[in-house]
Amino acid sequence: MRQTGPAATPIPPAKTPLGRRIVIFVCAIAAVALLIMTTTGDRGFLEARRRRAAYAGLRKEVEKMNADNAALLARITALKKQPYVIEKLAREELGYARPGEVIYLFPPETEPTQAKP
């Protein structure tokens, strides 16, 4: 049997109106532009990553400088309060000696030169 009536004819898919297509296209373009701007702009993801890396590097540098400052302050304190530190410095860097002591100076070590064949 053949069916007759409204159920027999297939309904064609409805076409979306041109205005709706344009709105969807504009929204898609805006979304892509927003994605690009959030990734590469002045306040974008990549710039934020660069700044975090630079901040971490500066933080390490500050920690190193703080450690150097602490070591220098400890040396200053030792030089002010401990006379044997001053004596050691005078002996090693200035070559001073107590009366009756003999100082032996050796030439600095150099690499031996190879004989030419």
N, C-alpha and C. Protein backbone atom coordinates (compact mmCIF):
# COMPACT_ATOMS: atom_id res chain seq x y z
N MET A 1 0.81 -1.17 0.00
CA MET A 1 0.00 0.00 0.00
C MET A 1 0.86 1.24 0.00
N ARG A 2 0.34 2.17 -0.68
CA ARG A 2 1.00 3.46 -0.72
C ARG A 2 0.39 4.39 0.30
N GLN A 3 1.30 5.09 0.98
CA GLN A 3 0.78 6.05 1.95
C GLN A 3 0.52 7.36 1.25
N THR A 4 -0.53 7.93 1.61
CA THR A 4 -0.85 9.23 1.06
C THR A 4 -1.02 10.20 2.21
N GLY A 5 -0.89 11.41 1.92
CA GLY A 5 -1.09 12.43 2.93
C GLY A 5 0.23 13.05 3.37
N PRO A 6 0.20 13.76 4.45
CA PRO A 6 1.38 14.50 4.90
C PRO A 6 2.51 13.60 5.35
N ALA A 7 2.30 12.41 5.81
CA ALA A 7 3.37 11.55 6.28
C ALA A 7 4.19 10.97 5.15
N ALA A 8 3.66 10.93 4.00
CA ALA A 8 4.31 10.31 2.86
C ALA A 8 5.40 11.19 2.28
N THR A 9 5.27 12.47 2.33
CA THR A 9 6.27 13.34 1.71
C THR A 9 7.33 13.72 2.73
N PRO A 10 8.60 13.51 2.41
CA PRO A 10 9.66 13.90 3.35
C PRO A 10 9.77 15.41 3.44
N ILE A 11 10.10 15.87 4.65
CA ILE A 11 10.23 17.31 4.86
C ILE A 11 11.69 17.70 4.60
N PRO A 12 11.92 18.64 3.71
CA PRO A 12 13.29 19.07 3.44
C PRO A 12 13.85 19.83 4.64
N PRO A 13 15.16 19.72 4.88
CA PRO A 13 15.75 20.45 6.01
C PRO A 13 15.61 21.95 5.81
N ALA A 14 15.33 22.62 6.89
CA ALA A 14 15.13 24.06 6.82
C ALA A 14 16.48 24.75 6.62
N LYS A 15 16.52 25.68 5.72
CA LYS A 15 17.73 26.46 5.49
C LYS A 15 17.80 27.57 6.53
N THR A 16 19.05 27.77 7.06
CA THR A 16 19.21 28.86 8.02
C THR A 16 19.23 30.17 7.24
N PRO A 17 18.60 31.16 7.78
CA PRO A 17 18.56 32.44 7.07
C PRO A 17 19.96 33.05 6.95
N LEU A 18 20.15 33.88 5.96
CA LEU A 18 21.45 34.50 5.70
C LEU A 18 21.90 35.37 6.87
N GLY A 19 21.02 36.08 7.50
CA GLY A 19 21.36 36.93 8.64
C GLY A 19 21.93 36.12 9.80
N ARG A 20 21.34 34.96 10.02
CA ARG A 20 21.81 34.11 11.11
C ARG A 20 23.21 33.56 10.79
N ARG A 21 23.47 33.21 9.57
CA ARG A 21 24.80 32.74 9.16
C ARG A 21 25.84 33.83 9.36
N ILE A 22 25.48 35.05 9.00
CA ILE A 22 26.41 36.18 9.16
C ILE A 22 26.73 36.39 10.64
N VAL A 23 25.72 36.31 11.50
CA VAL A 23 25.94 36.50 12.94
C VAL A 23 26.86 35.41 13.48
N ILE A 24 26.65 34.18 13.08
CA ILE A 24 27.50 33.08 13.52
C ILE A 24 28.93 33.28 13.03
N PHE A 25 29.10 33.69 11.79
CA PHE A 25 30.42 33.93 11.22
C PHE A 25 31.13 35.06 11.98
N VAL A 26 30.43 36.15 12.26
CA VAL A 26 31.02 37.28 12.98
C VAL A 26 31.43 36.85 14.39
N CYS A 27 30.59 36.06 15.05
CA CYS A 27 30.92 35.56 16.40
C CYS A 27 32.15 34.66 16.36
N ALA A 28 32.25 33.83 15.35
CA ALA A 28 33.41 32.94 15.23
C ALA A 28 34.68 33.75 15.00
N ILE A 29 34.62 34.76 14.14
CA ILE A 29 35.78 35.62 13.88
C ILE A 29 36.17 36.36 15.16
N ALA A 30 35.18 36.86 15.90
CA ALA A 30 35.46 37.57 17.15
C ALA A 30 36.10 36.63 18.17
N ALA A 31 35.64 35.39 18.24
CA ALA A 31 36.22 34.42 19.17
C ALA A 31 37.67 34.11 18.81
N VAL A 32 37.96 33.95 17.53
CA VAL A 32 39.33 33.69 17.09
C VAL A 32 40.22 34.89 17.39
N ALA A 33 39.71 36.11 17.13
CA ALA A 33 40.49 37.31 17.42
C ALA A 33 40.75 37.45 18.91
N LEU A 34 39.75 37.15 19.73
CA LEU A 34 39.93 37.22 21.18
C LEU A 34 40.95 36.19 21.65
N LEU A 35 40.93 35.01 21.09
CA LEU A 35 41.90 33.97 21.44
C LEU A 35 43.32 34.41 21.09
N ILE A 36 43.47 35.00 19.92
CA ILE A 36 44.80 35.47 19.50
C ILE A 36 45.28 36.59 20.41
N MET A 37 44.39 37.52 20.75
CA MET A 37 44.79 38.65 21.60
C MET A 37 45.15 38.19 23.01
N THR A 38 44.41 37.22 23.56
CA THR A 38 44.73 36.76 24.91
C THR A 38 46.02 35.95 24.94
N THR A 39 46.41 35.42 23.81
CA THR A 39 47.65 34.64 23.76
C THR A 39 48.86 35.52 23.53
N THR A 40 48.76 36.49 22.63
CA THR A 40 49.95 37.22 22.20
C THR A 40 49.97 38.69 22.56
N GLY A 41 48.98 39.25 23.17
CA GLY A 41 48.93 40.68 23.45
C GLY A 41 49.89 41.10 24.56
N ASP A 42 49.84 42.40 24.89
CA ASP A 42 50.70 42.94 25.95
C ASP A 42 50.42 42.28 27.29
N ARG A 43 49.19 41.89 27.51
CA ARG A 43 48.82 41.22 28.75
C ARG A 43 48.41 39.78 28.48
N GLY A 44 48.90 39.24 27.40
CA GLY A 44 48.54 37.89 27.00
C GLY A 44 49.27 36.82 27.78
N PHE A 45 48.92 35.60 27.47
CA PHE A 45 49.48 34.43 28.17
C PHE A 45 50.98 34.33 27.97
N LEU A 46 51.44 34.53 26.74
CA LEU A 46 52.88 34.40 26.47
C LEU A 46 53.69 35.47 27.19
N GLU A 47 53.17 36.69 27.21
CA GLU A 47 53.86 37.77 27.92
C GLU A 47 53.86 37.52 29.42
N ALA A 48 52.79 36.99 29.93
CA ALA A 48 52.73 36.67 31.36
C ALA A 48 53.75 35.59 31.71
N ARG A 49 53.90 34.61 30.83
CA ARG A 49 54.91 33.56 31.05
C ARG A 49 56.32 34.14 31.05
N ARG A 50 56.59 35.04 30.10
CA ARG A 50 57.91 35.68 30.05
C ARG A 50 58.18 36.47 31.32
N ARG A 51 57.17 37.19 31.77
CA ARG A 51 57.36 38.01 32.97
C ARG A 51 57.56 37.15 34.21
N ARG A 52 56.85 36.02 34.30
CA ARG A 52 57.04 35.12 35.43
C ARG A 52 58.46 34.55 35.44
N ALA A 53 58.96 34.21 34.25
CA ALA A 53 60.33 33.68 34.16
C ALA A 53 61.34 34.76 34.55
N ALA A 54 61.13 35.99 34.10
CA ALA A 54 62.03 37.08 34.46
C ALA A 54 61.97 37.35 35.95
N TYR A 55 60.78 37.27 36.53
CA TYR A 55 60.62 37.49 37.97
C TYR A 55 61.35 36.41 38.76
N ALA A 56 61.26 35.18 38.31
CA ALA A 56 61.95 34.08 39.00
C ALA A 56 63.46 34.29 38.92
N GLY A 57 63.96 34.72 37.76
CA GLY A 57 65.39 34.98 37.62
C GLY A 57 65.86 36.10 38.53
N LEU A 58 65.07 37.17 38.60
CA LEU A 58 65.43 38.29 39.47
C LEU A 58 65.37 37.88 40.94
N ARG A 59 64.42 37.03 41.26
CA ARG A 59 64.30 36.58 42.64
C ARG A 59 65.53 35.76 43.05
N LYS A 60 66.00 34.89 42.16
CA LYS A 60 67.22 34.13 42.45
C LYS A 60 68.42 35.05 42.61
N GLU A 61 68.49 36.07 41.77
CA GLU A 61 69.59 37.03 41.85
C GLU A 61 69.56 37.79 43.17
N VAL A 62 68.37 38.17 43.62
CA VAL A 62 68.24 38.87 44.90
C VAL A 62 68.65 37.96 46.04
N GLU A 63 68.24 36.69 46.00
CA GLU A 63 68.64 35.74 47.05
C GLU A 63 70.16 35.57 47.10
N LYS A 64 70.78 35.51 45.91
CA LYS A 64 72.24 35.37 45.85
C LYS A 64 72.91 36.61 46.43
N MET A 65 72.40 37.78 46.10
CA MET A 65 72.97 39.02 46.63
C MET A 65 72.78 39.12 48.14
N ASN A 66 71.63 38.66 48.64
CA ASN A 66 71.42 38.65 50.08
C ASN A 66 72.41 37.72 50.78
N ALA A 67 72.68 36.58 50.17
CA ALA A 67 73.67 35.65 50.75
C ALA A 67 75.07 36.28 50.72
N ASP A 68 75.41 36.94 49.61
CA ASP A 68 76.70 37.62 49.52
C ASP A 68 76.82 38.72 50.58
N ASN A 69 75.75 39.48 50.77
CA ASN A 69 75.75 40.55 51.78
C ASN A 69 75.93 39.97 53.18
N ALA A 70 75.26 38.85 53.46
CA ALA A 70 75.40 38.23 54.78
C ALA A 70 76.83 37.76 55.00
N ALA A 71 77.46 37.19 53.97
CA ALA A 71 78.85 36.75 54.09
C ALA A 71 79.78 37.93 54.32
N LEU A 72 79.54 39.02 53.60
CA LEU A 72 80.38 40.22 53.78
C LEU A 72 80.20 40.83 55.16
N LEU A 73 78.96 40.85 55.65
CA LEU A 73 78.72 41.38 57.00
C LEU A 73 79.40 40.51 58.05
N ALA A 74 79.39 39.18 57.85
CA ALA A 74 80.08 38.29 58.78
C ALA A 74 81.59 38.55 58.76
N ARG A 75 82.14 38.81 57.57
CA ARG A 75 83.58 39.09 57.47
C ARG A 75 83.91 40.43 58.13
N ILE A 76 83.04 41.43 57.94
CA ILE A 76 83.27 42.73 58.58
C ILE A 76 83.25 42.58 60.10
N THR A 77 82.26 41.84 60.59
CA THR A 77 82.17 41.62 62.03
C THR A 77 83.42 40.90 62.55
N ALA A 78 83.89 39.89 61.82
CA ALA A 78 85.09 39.15 62.23
C ALA A 78 86.31 40.07 62.22
N LEU A 79 86.42 40.93 61.22
CA LEU A 79 87.57 41.83 61.15
C LEU A 79 87.53 42.86 62.29
N LYS A 80 86.35 43.27 62.72
CA LYS A 80 86.25 44.25 63.80
C LYS A 80 86.49 43.64 65.17
N LYS A 81 86.09 42.38 65.37
CA LYS A 81 86.09 41.82 66.72
C LYS A 81 87.14 40.75 66.98
N GLN A 82 87.74 40.18 65.94
CA GLN A 82 88.66 39.07 66.15
C GLN A 82 90.05 39.44 65.61
N PRO A 83 91.01 39.67 66.50
CA PRO A 83 92.34 40.11 66.05
C PRO A 83 93.09 39.06 65.22
N TYR A 84 92.85 37.78 65.45
CA TYR A 84 93.58 36.77 64.67
C TYR A 84 93.13 36.78 63.20
N VAL A 85 91.92 37.25 62.90
CA VAL A 85 91.47 37.36 61.51
C VAL A 85 92.28 38.45 60.81
N ILE A 86 92.52 39.55 61.52
CA ILE A 86 93.33 40.63 60.94
C ILE A 86 94.77 40.15 60.74
N GLU A 87 95.28 39.42 61.70
CA GLU A 87 96.64 38.89 61.57
C GLU A 87 96.74 37.94 60.37
N LYS A 88 95.78 37.06 60.23
CA LYS A 88 95.78 36.12 59.11
C LYS A 88 95.74 36.87 57.77
N LEU A 89 94.91 37.90 57.69
CA LEU A 89 94.80 38.70 56.48
C LEU A 89 96.13 39.39 56.17
N ALA A 90 96.77 39.95 57.19
CA ALA A 90 98.05 40.63 56.99
C ALA A 90 99.14 39.64 56.55
N ARG A 91 99.12 38.43 57.10
CA ARG A 91 100.13 37.44 56.72
C ARG A 91 99.92 36.94 55.30
N GLU A 92 98.67 36.64 54.94
CA GLU A 92 98.41 36.03 53.63
C GLU A 92 98.46 37.03 52.48
N GLU A 93 97.85 38.19 52.67
CA GLU A 93 97.73 39.13 51.54
C GLU A 93 98.86 40.16 51.50
N LEU A 94 99.38 40.53 52.65
CA LEU A 94 100.42 41.56 52.66
C LEU A 94 101.82 41.02 52.89
N GLY A 95 101.92 39.75 53.27
CA GLY A 95 103.23 39.13 53.46
C GLY A 95 103.91 39.53 54.75
N TYR A 96 103.17 40.01 55.74
CA TYR A 96 103.77 40.39 57.01
C TYR A 96 104.18 39.16 57.80
N ALA A 97 105.13 39.37 58.72
CA ALA A 97 105.60 38.29 59.59
C ALA A 97 105.92 38.87 60.96
N ARG A 98 105.94 38.00 61.93
CA ARG A 98 106.32 38.41 63.27
C ARG A 98 107.85 38.52 63.31
N PRO A 99 108.35 39.24 64.28
CA PRO A 99 109.82 39.33 64.40
C PRO A 99 110.43 37.95 64.62
N GLY A 100 111.46 37.65 63.85
CA GLY A 100 112.16 36.37 63.98
C GLY A 100 111.63 35.30 63.05
N GLU A 101 110.52 35.54 62.37
CA GLU A 101 109.98 34.54 61.43
C GLU A 101 110.63 34.72 60.07
N VAL A 102 110.75 33.64 59.35
CA VAL A 102 111.30 33.68 58.00
C VAL A 102 110.18 33.30 57.03
N ILE A 103 110.05 34.06 55.96
CA ILE A 103 109.01 33.81 54.97
C ILE A 103 109.66 33.26 53.72
N TYR A 104 109.16 32.14 53.25
CA TYR A 104 109.65 31.54 52.01
C TYR A 104 108.61 31.80 50.92
N LEU A 105 109.03 32.38 49.82
CA LEU A 105 108.14 32.64 48.70
C LEU A 105 108.51 31.70 47.55
N PHE A 106 107.52 31.04 47.02
CA PHE A 106 107.72 30.11 45.90
C PHE A 106 107.08 30.71 44.65
N PRO A 107 107.70 30.46 43.50
CA PRO A 107 107.09 30.98 42.28
C PRO A 107 105.76 30.26 42.01
N PRO A 108 104.84 30.92 41.36
CA PRO A 108 103.56 30.27 41.08
C PRO A 108 103.74 29.10 40.12
N GLU A 109 102.92 28.11 40.30
CA GLU A 109 103.01 26.92 39.44
C GLU A 109 102.56 27.25 38.04
N THR A 110 103.35 26.79 37.08
CA THR A 110 102.97 26.99 35.68
C THR A 110 102.95 25.64 35.02
N GLU A 111 102.25 25.55 33.91
CA GLU A 111 102.21 24.29 33.17
C GLU A 111 103.53 24.08 32.46
N PRO A 112 104.04 22.87 32.49
CA PRO A 112 105.33 22.62 31.80
C PRO A 112 105.14 22.78 30.30
N THR A 113 106.16 23.39 29.68
CA THR A 113 106.10 23.56 28.23
C THR A 113 106.58 22.29 27.56
N GLN A 114 105.97 21.96 26.46
CA GLN A 114 106.37 20.75 25.73
C GLN A 114 107.52 21.09 24.80
N ALA A 115 108.45 20.17 24.70
CA ALA A 115 109.60 20.35 23.80
C ALA A 115 109.13 20.16 22.37
N LYS A 116 109.62 21.02 21.52
CA LYS A 116 109.25 20.92 20.11
C LYS A 116 110.09 19.84 19.43
N PRO A 117 109.50 19.00 18.61
CA PRO A 117 110.30 17.95 17.94
C PRO A 117 111.16 18.47 16.84
